[in-house]
Amino acid sequence: MDKRLLDILVCPVTKGPLIYDKKNAELISCSARLAYPIRDDIPVMLEDEARRMESDEVEQYRA
């Protein structure tokens, strides 16, 4: 994931920052509790395509 792209992208729901999870190929929005998939190096920034996250899963990214 290009660092410059990550600096520009925000969560479409909350307009908050995103965390890149390379292992799972996702962009994480802690405030929305959503994980946006990255397919073929392209972030899919649609709420309907995002995976809902549990509270304990979100907490691991807030460290």
PDB file of N, CA and C in Angstrom:
ATOM      1  N   MET A   1       0.853  -1.178   0.000  1.00  0.00           N
ATOM      2  CA  MET A   1       0.000   0.000   0.000  1.00  0.00           C
ATOM      3  C   MET A   1       0.893   1.234   0.000  1.00  0.00           C
ATOM      4  N   ASP A   2       0.651   2.106  -0.918  1.00  0.00           N
ATOM      5  CA  ASP A   2       1.415   3.347  -1.069  1.00  0.00           C
ATOM      6  C   ASP A   2       1.134   4.275   0.121  1.00  0.00           C
ATOM      7  N   LYS A   3       2.182   4.704   0.792  1.00  0.00           N
ATOM      8  CA  LYS A   3       2.055   5.579   1.971  1.00  0.00           C
ATOM      9  C   LYS A   3       1.319   6.877   1.620  1.00  0.00           C
ATOM     10  N   ARG A   4       1.572   7.415   0.444  1.00  0.00           N
ATOM     11  CA  ARG A   4       0.895   8.668   0.045  1.00  0.00           C
ATOM     12  C   ARG A   4      -0.599   8.458  -0.101  1.00  0.00           C
ATOM     13  N   LEU A   5      -0.999   7.312  -0.639  1.00  0.00           N
ATOM     14  CA  LEU A   5      -2.418   7.004  -0.772  1.00  0.00           C
ATOM     15  C   LEU A   5      -3.051   6.837   0.601  1.00  0.00           C
ATOM     16  N   LEU A   6      -2.363   6.149   1.492  1.00  0.00           N
ATOM     17  CA  LEU A   6      -2.881   5.946   2.840  1.00  0.00           C
ATOM     18  C   LEU A   6      -3.059   7.270   3.574  1.00  0.00           C
ATOM     19  N   ASP A   7      -2.180   8.240   3.327  1.00  0.00           N
ATOM     20  CA  ASP A   7      -2.295   9.557   3.949  1.00  0.00           C
ATOM     21  C   ASP A   7      -3.532  10.313   3.468  1.00  0.00           C
ATOM     22  N   ILE A   8      -3.976  10.020   2.247  1.00  0.00           N
ATOM     23  CA  ILE A   8      -5.121  10.719   1.660  1.00  0.00           C
ATOM     24  C   ILE A   8      -6.449  10.071   2.030  1.00  0.00           C
ATOM     25  N   LEU A   9      -6.468   8.742   2.082  1.00  0.00           N
ATOM     26  CA  LEU A   9      -7.714   8.022   2.322  1.00  0.00           C
ATOM     27  C   LEU A   9      -8.226   8.204   3.744  1.00  0.00           C
ATOM     28  N   VAL A  10      -9.538   8.323   3.878  1.00  0.00           N
ATOM     29  CA  VAL A  10     -10.204   8.369   5.176  1.00  0.00           C
ATOM     30  C   VAL A  10     -11.409   7.435   5.113  1.00  0.00           C
ATOM     31  N   CYS A  11     -11.930   7.101   6.258  1.00  0.00           N
ATOM     32  CA  CYS A  11     -13.129   6.272   6.328  1.00  0.00           C
ATOM     33  C   CYS A  11     -14.298   7.051   5.721  1.00  0.00           C
ATOM     34  N   PRO A  12     -15.006   6.463   4.769  1.00  0.00           N
ATOM     35  CA  PRO A  12     -16.134   7.170   4.163  1.00  0.00           C
ATOM     36  C   PRO A  12     -17.309   7.381   5.111  1.00  0.00           C
ATOM     37  N   VAL A  13     -17.359   6.632   6.192  1.00  0.00           N
ATOM     38  CA  VAL A  13     -18.452   6.757   7.157  1.00  0.00           C
ATOM     39  C   VAL A  13     -18.168   7.854   8.173  1.00  0.00           C
ATOM     40  N   THR A  14     -16.969   7.813   8.777  1.00  0.00           N
ATOM     41  CA  THR A  14     -16.642   8.747   9.867  1.00  0.00           C
ATOM     42  C   THR A  14     -15.702   9.872   9.446  1.00  0.00           C
ATOM     43  N   LYS A  15     -15.097   9.737   8.278  1.00  0.00           N
ATOM     44  CA  LYS A  15     -14.068  10.673   7.793  1.00  0.00           C
ATOM     45  C   LYS A  15     -12.817  10.641   8.669  1.00  0.00           C
ATOM     46  N   GLY A  16     -12.670   9.573   9.445  1.00  0.00           N
ATOM     47  CA  GLY A  16     -11.521   9.413  10.328  1.00  0.00           C
ATOM     48  C   GLY A  16     -10.380   8.671   9.652  1.00  0.00           C
ATOM     49  N   PRO A  17      -9.246   8.567  10.339  1.00  0.00           N
ATOM     50  CA  PRO A  17      -8.053   7.911   9.775  1.00  0.00           C
ATOM     51  C   PRO A  17      -8.241   6.404   9.640  1.00  0.00           C
ATOM     52  N   LEU A  18      -7.424   5.812   8.789  1.00  0.00           N
ATOM     53  CA  LEU A  18      -7.446   4.376   8.557  1.00  0.00           C
ATOM     54  C   LEU A  18      -6.087   3.781   8.909  1.00  0.00           C
ATOM     55  N   ILE A  19      -6.101   2.534   9.333  1.00  0.00           N
ATOM     56  CA  ILE A  19      -4.884   1.805   9.663  1.00  0.00           C
ATOM     57  C   ILE A  19      -4.737   0.675   8.656  1.00  0.00           C
ATOM     58  N   TYR A  20      -3.561   0.575   8.054  1.00  0.00           N
ATOM     59  CA  TYR A  20      -3.299  -0.460   7.060  1.00  0.00           C
ATOM     60  C   TYR A  20      -2.924  -1.760   7.753  1.00  0.00           C
ATOM     61  N   ASP A  21      -3.691  -2.800   7.493  1.00  0.00           N
ATOM     62  CA  ASP A  21      -3.397  -4.142   7.996  1.00  0.00           C
ATOM     63  C   ASP A  21      -2.898  -4.973   6.815  1.00  0.00           C
ATOM     64  N   LYS A  22      -1.591  -5.044   6.682  1.00  0.00           N
ATOM     65  CA  LYS A  22      -0.981  -5.728   5.544  1.00  0.00           C
ATOM     66  C   LYS A  22      -1.307  -7.219   5.547  1.00  0.00           C
ATOM     67  N   LYS A  23      -1.272  -7.832   6.709  1.00  0.00           N
ATOM     68  CA  LYS A  23      -1.489  -9.273   6.829  1.00  0.00           C
ATOM     69  C   LYS A  23      -2.858  -9.686   6.281  1.00  0.00           C
ATOM     70  N   ASN A  24      -3.883  -8.904   6.587  1.00  0.00           N
ATOM     71  CA  ASN A  24      -5.247  -9.227   6.161  1.00  0.00           C
ATOM     72  C   ASN A  24      -5.701  -8.455   4.932  1.00  0.00           C
ATOM     73  N   ALA A  25      -4.831  -7.626   4.382  1.00  0.00           N
ATOM     74  CA  ALA A  25      -5.148  -6.798   3.205  1.00  0.00           C
ATOM     75  C   ALA A  25      -6.439  -6.010   3.440  1.00  0.00           C
ATOM     76  N   GLU A  26      -6.410  -5.208   4.517  1.00  0.00           N
ATOM     77  CA  GLU A  26      -7.574  -4.406   4.884  1.00  0.00           C
ATOM     78  C   GLU A  26      -7.129  -3.029   5.372  1.00  0.00           C
ATOM     79  N   LEU A  27      -8.040  -2.072   5.263  1.00  0.00           N
ATOM     80  CA  LEU A  27      -7.874  -0.767   5.883  1.00  0.00           C
ATOM     81  C   LEU A  27      -8.877  -0.708   7.024  1.00  0.00           C
ATOM     82  N   ILE A  28      -8.370  -0.434   8.217  1.00  0.00           N
ATOM     83  CA  ILE A  28      -9.173  -0.494   9.435  1.00  0.00           C
ATOM     84  C   ILE A  28      -9.612   0.893   9.860  1.00  0.00           C
ATOM     85  N   SER A  29     -10.915   1.034  10.118  1.00  0.00           N
ATOM     86  CA  SER A  29     -11.462   2.247  10.723  1.00  0.00           C
ATOM     87  C   SER A  29     -11.920   1.883  12.123  1.00  0.00           C
ATOM     88  N   CYS A  30     -11.127   2.274  13.119  1.00  0.00           N
ATOM     89  CA  CYS A  30     -11.470   1.951  14.508  1.00  0.00           C
ATOM     90  C   CYS A  30     -12.766   2.652  14.934  1.00  0.00           C
ATOM     91  N   SER A  31     -12.938   3.889  14.518  1.00  0.00           N
ATOM     92  CA  SER A  31     -14.119   4.642  14.942  1.00  0.00           C
ATOM     93  C   SER A  31     -15.414   4.070  14.363  1.00  0.00           C
ATOM     94  N   ALA A  32     -15.377   3.522  13.172  1.00  0.00           N
ATOM     95  CA  ALA A  32     -16.574   2.935  12.550  1.00  0.00           C
ATOM     96  C   ALA A  32     -16.663   1.431  12.794  1.00  0.00           C
ATOM     97  N   ARG A  33     -15.581   0.840  13.323  1.00  0.00           N
ATOM     98  CA  ARG A  33     -15.496  -0.605  13.529  1.00  0.00           C
ATOM     99  C   ARG A  33     -15.716  -1.359  12.225  1.00  0.00           C
ATOM    100  N   LEU A  34     -15.047  -0.860  11.170  1.00  0.00           N
ATOM    101  CA  LEU A  34     -15.144  -1.476   9.851  1.00  0.00           C
ATOM    102  C   LEU A  34     -13.754  -1.776   9.306  1.00  0.00           C
ATOM    103  N   ALA A  35     -13.662  -2.850   8.525  1.00  0.00           N
ATOM    104  CA  ALA A  35     -12.430  -3.220   7.840  1.00  0.00           C
ATOM    105  C   ALA A  35     -12.729  -3.244   6.346  1.00  0.00           C
ATOM    106  N   TYR A  36     -12.120  -2.307   5.624  1.00  0.00           N
ATOM    107  CA  TYR A  36     -12.332  -2.201   4.188  1.00  0.00           C
ATOM    108  C   TYR A  36     -11.324  -3.085   3.464  1.00  0.00           C
ATOM    109  N   PRO A  37     -11.790  -3.946   2.560  1.00  0.00           N
ATOM    110  CA  PRO A  37     -10.870  -4.857   1.868  1.00  0.00           C
ATOM    111  C   PRO A  37     -10.004  -4.138   0.835  1.00  0.00           C
ATOM    112  N   ILE A  38      -8.850  -4.729   0.575  1.00  0.00           N
ATOM    113  CA  ILE A  38      -7.974  -4.272  -0.503  1.00  0.00           C
ATOM    114  C   ILE A  38      -7.890  -5.432  -1.488  1.00  0.00           C
ATOM    115  N   ARG A  39      -8.388  -5.199  -2.703  1.00  0.00           N
ATOM    116  CA  ARG A  39      -8.410  -6.249  -3.722  1.00  0.00           C
ATOM    117  C   ARG A  39      -7.555  -5.813  -4.905  1.00  0.00           C
ATOM    118  N   ASP A  40      -6.612  -6.638  -5.276  1.00  0.00           N
ATOM    119  CA  ASP A  40      -5.704  -6.329  -6.391  1.00  0.00           C
ATOM    120  C   ASP A  40      -5.038  -4.969  -6.188  1.00  0.00           C
ATOM    121  N   ASP A  41      -4.610  -4.692  -4.954  1.00  0.00           N
ATOM    122  CA  ASP A  41      -3.942  -3.442  -4.568  1.00  0.00           C
ATOM    123  C   ASP A  41      -4.842  -2.213  -4.663  1.00  0.00           C
ATOM    124  N   ILE A  42      -6.152  -2.407  -4.724  1.00  0.00           N
ATOM    125  CA  ILE A  42      -7.100  -1.291  -4.790  1.00  0.00           C
ATOM    126  C   ILE A  42      -8.013  -1.351  -3.566  1.00  0.00           C
ATOM    127  N   PRO A  43      -8.010  -0.303  -2.722  1.00  0.00           N
ATOM    128  CA  PRO A  43      -8.904  -0.270  -1.568  1.00  0.00           C
ATOM    129  C   PRO A  43     -10.363  -0.152  -2.025  1.00  0.00           C
ATOM    130  N   VAL A  44     -11.204  -0.984  -1.460  1.00  0.00           N
ATOM    131  CA  VAL A  44     -12.638  -0.939  -1.747  1.00  0.00           C
ATOM    132  C   VAL A  44     -13.295  -0.165  -0.601  1.00  0.00           C
ATOM    133  N   MET A  45     -13.534   1.116  -0.832  1.00  0.00           N
ATOM    134  CA  MET A  45     -13.988   2.012   0.231  1.00  0.00           C
ATOM    135  C   MET A  45     -15.511   2.160   0.238  1.00  0.00           C
ATOM    136  N   LEU A  46     -16.204   1.039   0.201  1.00  0.00           N
ATOM    137  CA  LEU A  46     -17.662   1.018   0.237  1.00  0.00           C
ATOM    138  C   LEU A  46     -18.118   0.377   1.544  1.00  0.00           C
ATOM    139  N   GLU A  47     -19.024   1.045   2.239  1.00  0.00           N
ATOM    140  CA  GLU A  47     -19.499   0.526   3.520  1.00  0.00           C
ATOM    141  C   GLU A  47     -20.119  -0.862   3.366  1.00  0.00           C
ATOM    142  N   ASP A  48     -20.827  -1.084   2.274  1.00  0.00           N
ATOM    143  CA  ASP A  48     -21.462  -2.384   2.038  1.00  0.00           C
ATOM    144  C   ASP A  48     -20.459  -3.521   1.838  1.00  0.00           C
ATOM    145  N   GLU A  49     -19.253  -3.192   1.407  1.00  0.00           N
ATOM    146  CA  GLU A  49     -18.208  -4.191   1.180  1.00  0.00           C
ATOM    147  C   GLU A  49     -17.332  -4.406   2.419  1.00  0.00           C
ATOM    148  N   ALA A  50     -17.439  -3.521   3.390  1.00  0.00           N
ATOM    149  CA  ALA A  50     -16.589  -3.583   4.584  1.00  0.00           C
ATOM    150  C   ALA A  50     -17.049  -4.684   5.535  1.00  0.00           C
ATOM    151  N   ARG A  51     -16.103  -5.196   6.269  1.00  0.00           N
ATOM    152  CA  ARG A  51     -16.374  -6.223   7.276  1.00  0.00           C
ATOM    153  C   ARG A  51     -16.568  -5.544   8.635  1.00  0.00           C
ATOM    154  N   ARG A  52     -17.628  -5.912   9.323  1.00  0.00           N
ATOM    155  CA  ARG A  52     -17.874  -5.384  10.676  1.00  0.00           C
ATOM    156  C   ARG A  52     -16.890  -6.038  11.642  1.00  0.00           C
ATOM    157  N   MET A  53     -16.374  -5.235  12.572  1.00  0.00           N
ATOM    158  CA  MET A  53     -15.389  -5.740  13.528  1.00  0.00           C
ATOM    159  C   MET A  53     -15.970  -5.739  14.938  1.00  0.00           C
ATOM    160  N   GLU A  54     -15.574  -6.714  15.734  1.00  0.00           N
ATOM    161  CA  GLU A  54     -15.964  -6.784  17.139  1.00  0.00           C
ATOM    162  C   GLU A  54     -15.097  -5.832  17.960  1.00  0.00           C
ATOM    163  N   SER A  55     -15.585  -5.428  19.111  1.00  0.00           N
ATOM    164  CA  SER A  55     -14.877  -4.473  19.973  1.00  0.00           C
ATOM    165  C   SER A  55     -13.470  -4.932  20.326  1.00  0.00           C
ATOM    166  N   ASP A  56     -13.312  -6.211  20.688  1.00  0.00           N
ATOM    167  CA  ASP A  56     -11.989  -6.701  21.083  1.00  0.00           C
ATOM    168  C   ASP A  56     -11.024  -6.706  19.897  1.00  0.00           C
ATOM    169  N   GLU A  57     -11.539  -6.929  18.711  1.00  0.00           N
ATOM    170  CA  GLU A  57     -10.692  -6.903  17.517  1.00  0.00           C
ATOM    171  C   GLU A  57     -10.217  -5.477  17.222  1.00  0.00           C
ATOM    172  N   VAL A  58     -11.094  -4.504  17.416  1.00  0.00           N
ATOM    173  CA  VAL A  58     -10.746  -3.101  17.190  1.00  0.00           C
ATOM    174  C   VAL A  58      -9.671  -2.651  18.179  1.00  0.00           C
ATOM    175  N   GLU A  59      -9.759  -3.105  19.403  1.00  0.00           N
ATOM    176  CA  GLU A  59      -8.825  -2.691  20.454  1.00  0.00           C
ATOM    177  C   GLU A  59      -7.380  -3.029  20.123  1.00  0.00           C
ATOM    178  N   GLN A  60      -7.141  -4.098  19.385  1.00  0.00           N
ATOM    179  CA  GLN A  60      -5.749  -4.458  19.046  1.00  0.00           C
ATOM    180  C   GLN A  60      -5.110  -3.430  18.132  1.00  0.00           C
ATOM    181  N   TYR A  61      -5.916  -2.653  17.411  1.00  0.00           N
ATOM    182  CA  TYR A  61      -5.383  -1.619  16.515  1.00  0.00           C
ATOM    183  C   TYR A  61      -5.217  -0.277  17.203  1.00  0.00           C
ATOM    184  N   ARG A  62      -5.778  -0.120  18.381  1.00  0.00           N
ATOM    185  CA  ARG A  62      -5.712   1.169  19.088  1.00  0.00           C
ATOM    186  C   ARG A  62      -4.458   1.320  19.927  1.00  0.00           C
ATOM    187  N   ALA A  63      -3.621   0.340  19.938  1.00  0.00           N
ATOM    188  CA  ALA A  63      -2.401   0.380  20.781  1.00  0.00           C
ATOM    189  C   ALA A  63      -1.421   1.430  20.372  1.00  0.00           C
TER     190      ALA A  63
END
